[in-house]
Amino acid sequence: MSEAARAPVVITGASSGIGAALATSFSESGHPVILLARRLDRLEALELPNALCLKVDVTDLVAFKAAVQAGEEAFGPIGTMINNAGLMQLSTLQDQDPAEWKAMLDVNVLGVLNGCQIAIDSMSARRTGTIINVSSVAGRKTFPNHVAYVGTKFAVHAMSENLREEVAADNIRVSVVAPGAVETELLGHTNSAEVIAGYEKWKDSIGGALDPASVVAAVRFVHDQPQSVCIREVVLANTLQSA
């Protein structure tokens, strides 16, 4: 196995859903994994080898940076940063508590910026590395009850493309993977029972949401290319999801 193939992978939001599935996939293929989330018990329950599990809020830059440094001390310089942590609280703008706007902006935008900066600090001197930002179809189009959430995910797409242009000369790849509806705990962040019921009805109408394994396959396709190949963006959804 090459040095690149063994390079440590940082995964945020690794305690469930896409993040936990990514952690298992990268661990099984021989990567040390640095797993970050607010629920430490869920990380440790994955029982993955060569894994450092740390309780971290991605909005806390100091703690986030210290966690990555601890991972590098344990496993060596990181090869990949996967900014997967996210918060989805759905509502009409008129009815939504502005505290929810701030919470989503903090996690979905500032948390991604934190992860990107930390990764670049490690990667630029070595002139190699990969940053993958897990976004959403909602970063490309609008949906009912999604105004604030859509804003955060449009930001992820724009930030990722701009950053890619900045660091391409340092041989750092920046990519976005944008799934449609995925079967995760994300909807549970929404406080409106009516909105949740409507979302579940919509999911049923398209034959259900994607399995996290489908998103993992997309991320691995991006990641496993040679360093000289940057897949800038992958968008995927259930075939029946027309919107």
Protein backbone atom coordinates (compact mmCIF):
# COMPACT_ATOMS: atom_id res chain seq x y z
CA MET A 1 0.00 0.00 0.00
CA SER A 2 1.37 3.44 -0.95
CA GLU A 3 1.95 6.25 1.52
CA ALA A 4 -1.00 8.13 0.02
CA ALA A 5 -3.22 5.09 0.39
CA ARG A 6 -2.31 4.87 4.10
CA ALA A 7 -2.63 8.58 4.85
CA PRO A 8 -4.86 9.50 7.79
CA VAL A 9 -8.38 10.70 7.05
CA VAL A 10 -10.21 13.24 9.22
CA ILE A 11 -14.01 12.86 9.21
CA THR A 12 -16.28 15.34 10.98
CA GLY A 13 -19.79 14.38 12.00
CA ALA A 14 -18.59 10.78 12.15
CA SER A 15 -20.96 9.54 14.85
CA SER A 16 -23.83 8.50 12.57
CA GLY A 17 -25.21 8.38 9.04
CA ILE A 18 -22.84 9.29 6.23
CA GLY A 19 -19.98 10.09 8.61
CA ALA A 20 -20.08 6.73 10.36
CA ALA A 21 -20.32 4.92 7.03
CA LEU A 22 -17.33 6.88 5.72
CA ALA A 23 -15.35 6.04 8.86
CA THR A 24 -15.97 2.34 8.38
CA SER A 25 -15.10 2.46 4.68
CA PHE A 26 -11.79 4.27 5.11
CA SER A 27 -10.82 2.16 8.10
CA GLU A 28 -11.52 -1.05 6.20
CA SER A 29 -9.27 0.10 3.36
CA GLY A 30 -6.31 0.65 5.70
CA HIS A 31 -6.48 4.34 6.55
CA PRO A 32 -6.02 5.56 10.10
CA VAL A 33 -9.11 7.63 10.84
CA ILE A 34 -9.49 10.70 13.03
CA LEU A 35 -13.16 10.74 13.95
CA LEU A 36 -14.71 13.94 15.27
CA ALA A 37 -18.21 14.52 16.59
CA ARG A 38 -20.05 15.82 19.61
CA ARG A 39 -21.19 12.32 20.64
CA LEU A 40 -18.02 10.51 21.71
CA ASP A 41 -19.85 7.36 22.77
CA ARG A 42 -21.20 6.89 19.24
CA LEU A 43 -17.72 7.23 17.76
CA GLU A 44 -16.25 4.70 20.16
CA ALA A 45 -19.12 2.29 19.50
CA LEU A 46 -17.89 1.93 15.90
CA GLU A 47 -14.88 0.01 17.34
CA LEU A 48 -12.65 0.74 14.37
CA PRO A 49 -8.92 -0.07 14.38
CA ASN A 50 -6.39 2.75 14.04
CA ALA A 51 -9.05 5.25 15.02
CA LEU A 52 -8.74 8.30 17.22
CA CYS A 53 -12.18 9.30 18.48
CA LEU A 54 -12.52 12.82 19.86
CA LYS A 55 -15.43 14.91 21.08
CA VAL A 56 -15.23 18.09 19.02
CA ASP A 57 -17.61 20.85 18.00
CA VAL A 58 -16.49 21.95 14.52
CA THR A 59 -17.49 25.54 15.29
CA ASP A 60 -14.70 25.67 17.90
CA LEU A 61 -11.61 26.32 15.77
CA VAL A 62 -9.16 25.90 18.65
CA ALA A 63 -10.57 22.54 19.71
CA PHE A 64 -10.90 21.39 16.10
CA LYS A 65 -7.28 22.27 15.37
CA ALA A 66 -6.05 20.57 18.55
CA ALA A 67 -7.93 17.39 17.62
CA VAL A 68 -6.35 17.24 14.18
CA GLN A 69 -2.92 17.87 15.68
CA ALA A 70 -3.49 15.00 18.11
CA GLY A 71 -4.40 12.78 15.17
CA GLU A 72 -1.27 13.77 13.31
CA GLU A 73 0.85 13.02 16.36
CA ALA A 74 -0.71 9.57 16.49
CA PHE A 75 -0.77 8.69 12.79
CA GLY A 76 1.28 11.22 10.82
CA PRO A 77 0.26 14.07 8.49
CA ILE A 78 -3.33 13.97 7.31
CA GLY A 79 -4.02 13.14 3.70
CA THR A 80 -7.72 13.91 3.59
CA MET A 81 -10.19 16.17 5.39
CA ILE A 82 -13.86 15.28 4.96
CA ASN A 83 -16.08 18.08 6.21
CA ASN A 84 -19.24 16.09 6.75
CA ALA A 85 -20.75 17.58 9.92
CA GLY A 86 -24.00 19.35 9.14
CA LEU A 87 -27.21 20.68 10.63
CA MET A 88 -30.58 20.80 8.86
CA GLN A 89 -33.44 22.66 10.53
CA LEU A 90 -36.31 23.17 8.11
CA SER A 91 -39.01 25.82 8.27
CA THR A 92 -40.47 28.69 6.34
CA LEU A 93 -38.38 31.79 6.91
CA GLN A 94 -41.33 33.62 8.43
CA ASP A 95 -41.85 30.96 11.10
CA GLN A 96 -38.25 30.04 11.86
CA ASP A 97 -36.44 31.08 15.02
CA PRO A 98 -33.38 33.14 13.97
CA ALA A 99 -31.36 31.08 16.45
CA GLU A 100 -31.74 28.21 14.00
CA TRP A 101 -30.30 30.33 11.19
CA LYS A 102 -27.24 31.02 13.31
CA ALA A 103 -26.83 27.39 14.33
CA MET A 104 -26.86 26.25 10.70
CA LEU A 105 -24.51 29.02 9.60
CA ASP A 106 -22.11 28.13 12.42
CA VAL A 107 -21.97 24.39 11.63
CA ASN A 108 -22.57 24.29 7.87
CA VAL A 109 -20.48 27.31 6.88
CA LEU A 110 -18.06 28.28 9.64
CA GLY A 111 -17.43 24.63 10.55
CA VAL A 112 -16.50 23.87 6.94
CA LEU A 113 -14.24 26.92 6.77
CA ASN A 114 -12.54 25.78 9.97
CA GLY A 115 -11.93 22.32 8.57
CA CYS A 116 -10.60 23.67 5.29
CA GLN A 117 -8.17 26.06 6.97
CA ILE A 118 -6.88 23.36 9.32
CA ALA A 119 -6.37 20.98 6.41
CA ILE A 120 -4.54 23.55 4.30
CA ASP A 121 -2.25 24.40 7.21
CA SER A 122 -1.16 20.76 7.20
CA MET A 123 -1.18 20.07 3.47
CA SER A 124 0.26 23.14 1.75
CA ALA A 125 3.87 22.67 2.87
CA ARG A 126 3.76 19.05 1.72
CA ARG A 127 2.06 20.03 -1.55
CA THR A 128 -0.47 17.24 -1.42
CA GLY A 129 -3.85 16.52 0.11
CA THR A 130 -7.58 16.25 -0.47
CA ILE A 131 -10.50 18.19 1.00
CA ILE A 132 -13.98 16.81 0.42
CA ASN A 133 -16.95 18.89 1.54
CA VAL A 134 -20.21 16.97 1.90
CA SER A 135 -22.94 19.35 0.79
CA SER A 136 -26.41 18.74 -0.65
CA VAL A 137 -28.53 19.07 -3.75
CA ALA A 138 -29.88 21.98 -1.70
CA GLY A 139 -26.60 23.68 -2.51
CA ARG A 140 -27.67 23.85 -6.14
CA LYS A 141 -31.45 24.42 -6.08
CA THR A 142 -34.22 25.53 -3.75
CA PHE A 143 -36.84 23.54 -1.84
CA PRO A 144 -39.89 24.45 0.29
CA ASN A 145 -39.07 25.15 3.95
CA HIS A 146 -35.32 25.24 3.18
CA VAL A 147 -34.48 28.97 2.92
CA ALA A 148 -31.78 29.16 5.60
CA TYR A 149 -30.49 25.64 5.00
CA VAL A 150 -30.24 26.21 1.26
CA GLY A 151 -28.29 29.39 1.94
CA THR A 152 -25.69 27.48 3.95
CA LYS A 153 -25.31 24.77 1.33
CA PHE A 154 -25.04 27.22 -1.58
CA ALA A 155 -22.24 28.76 0.47
CA VAL A 156 -20.46 25.41 0.74
CA HIS A 157 -20.48 25.00 -3.05
CA ALA A 158 -19.20 28.53 -3.65
CA MET A 159 -16.54 28.34 -0.94
CA SER A 160 -15.32 24.98 -2.18
CA GLU A 161 -14.91 26.12 -5.77
CA ASN A 162 -13.17 29.33 -4.75
CA LEU A 163 -10.86 27.43 -2.41
CA ARG A 164 -10.05 24.89 -5.11
CA GLU A 165 -8.82 27.74 -7.30
CA GLU A 166 -6.69 29.10 -4.45
CA VAL A 167 -4.91 25.85 -3.56
CA ALA A 168 -4.71 24.02 -6.90
CA ALA A 169 -1.15 25.25 -7.41
CA ASP A 170 -0.22 23.53 -4.13
CA ASN A 171 -1.50 20.21 -5.52
CA ILE A 172 -4.40 20.16 -3.06
CA ARG A 173 -7.69 18.82 -4.36
CA VAL A 174 -10.98 20.35 -3.22
CA SER A 175 -14.22 18.56 -4.08
CA VAL A 176 -17.90 18.70 -3.24
CA VAL A 177 -20.18 15.68 -2.93
CA ALA A 178 -23.81 16.77 -2.97
CA PRO A 179 -26.44 14.11 -2.26
CA GLY A 180 -30.18 14.46 -2.41
CA ALA A 181 -32.28 13.00 0.39
CA VAL A 182 -30.30 10.47 2.43
CA GLU A 183 -31.57 8.17 5.16
CA THR A 184 -29.82 9.73 8.17
CA GLU A 185 -30.65 11.45 11.46
CA LEU A 186 -30.45 14.88 9.82
CA LEU A 187 -34.19 15.43 9.61
CA GLY A 188 -34.39 14.98 13.38
CA HIS A 189 -32.84 18.43 13.82
CA THR A 190 -36.08 20.00 12.54
CA ASN A 191 -38.49 21.11 15.27
CA SER A 192 -41.75 21.28 13.30
CA ALA A 193 -43.72 18.03 13.33
CA GLU A 194 -45.70 19.29 10.33
CA VAL A 195 -42.56 19.93 8.28
CA ILE A 196 -41.12 16.55 9.25
CA ALA A 197 -44.34 14.79 8.23
CA GLY A 198 -44.35 16.58 4.89
CA TYR A 199 -40.71 15.66 4.26
CA GLU A 200 -41.34 12.01 5.11
CA LYS A 201 -44.34 11.95 2.76
CA TRP A 202 -42.16 13.40 -0.01
CA LYS A 203 -39.47 10.78 0.64
CA ASP A 204 -42.09 8.03 0.34
CA SER A 205 -43.25 9.49 -2.97
CA ILE A 206 -39.76 9.08 -4.47
CA GLY A 207 -39.31 5.54 -3.23
CA GLY A 208 -37.25 6.49 -0.21
CA ALA A 209 -33.98 8.29 0.40
CA LEU A 210 -30.50 7.19 -0.57
CA ASP A 211 -28.65 4.76 1.66
CA PRO A 212 -25.50 6.35 3.16
CA ALA A 213 -23.51 3.66 1.35
CA SER A 214 -24.33 5.37 -1.95
CA VAL A 215 -22.80 8.60 -0.71
CA VAL A 216 -19.75 6.73 0.56
CA ALA A 217 -19.29 5.27 -2.93
CA ALA A 218 -19.36 8.78 -4.41
CA VAL A 219 -16.86 10.07 -1.87
CA ARG A 220 -14.55 7.12 -2.49
CA PHE A 221 -14.75 7.70 -6.25
CA VAL A 222 -13.57 11.26 -5.70
CA HIS A 223 -10.95 10.34 -3.13
CA ASP A 224 -9.45 7.30 -4.84
CA GLN A 225 -8.50 9.06 -8.05
CA PRO A 226 -4.79 9.80 -8.54
CA GLN A 227 -3.73 13.04 -6.85
CA SER A 228 -3.41 14.55 -10.33
CA VAL A 229 -7.18 14.14 -10.87
CA CYS A 230 -9.64 16.40 -9.07
CA ILE A 231 -13.31 15.48 -9.40
CA ARG A 232 -14.64 18.91 -8.60
CA GLU A 233 -18.26 18.03 -7.88
CA VAL A 234 -20.50 14.97 -7.70
CA VAL A 235 -24.28 15.31 -7.39
CA LEU A 236 -26.36 12.20 -6.71
CA ALA A 237 -29.91 11.37 -5.68
CA ASN A 238 -32.52 8.65 -5.87
CA THR A 239 -33.48 8.30 -9.53
CA LEU A 240 -37.10 9.12 -8.68
CA GLN A 241 -36.08 12.37 -6.98
CA SER A 242 -36.76 14.76 -9.84
CA ALA A 243 -36.21 17.96 -7.82
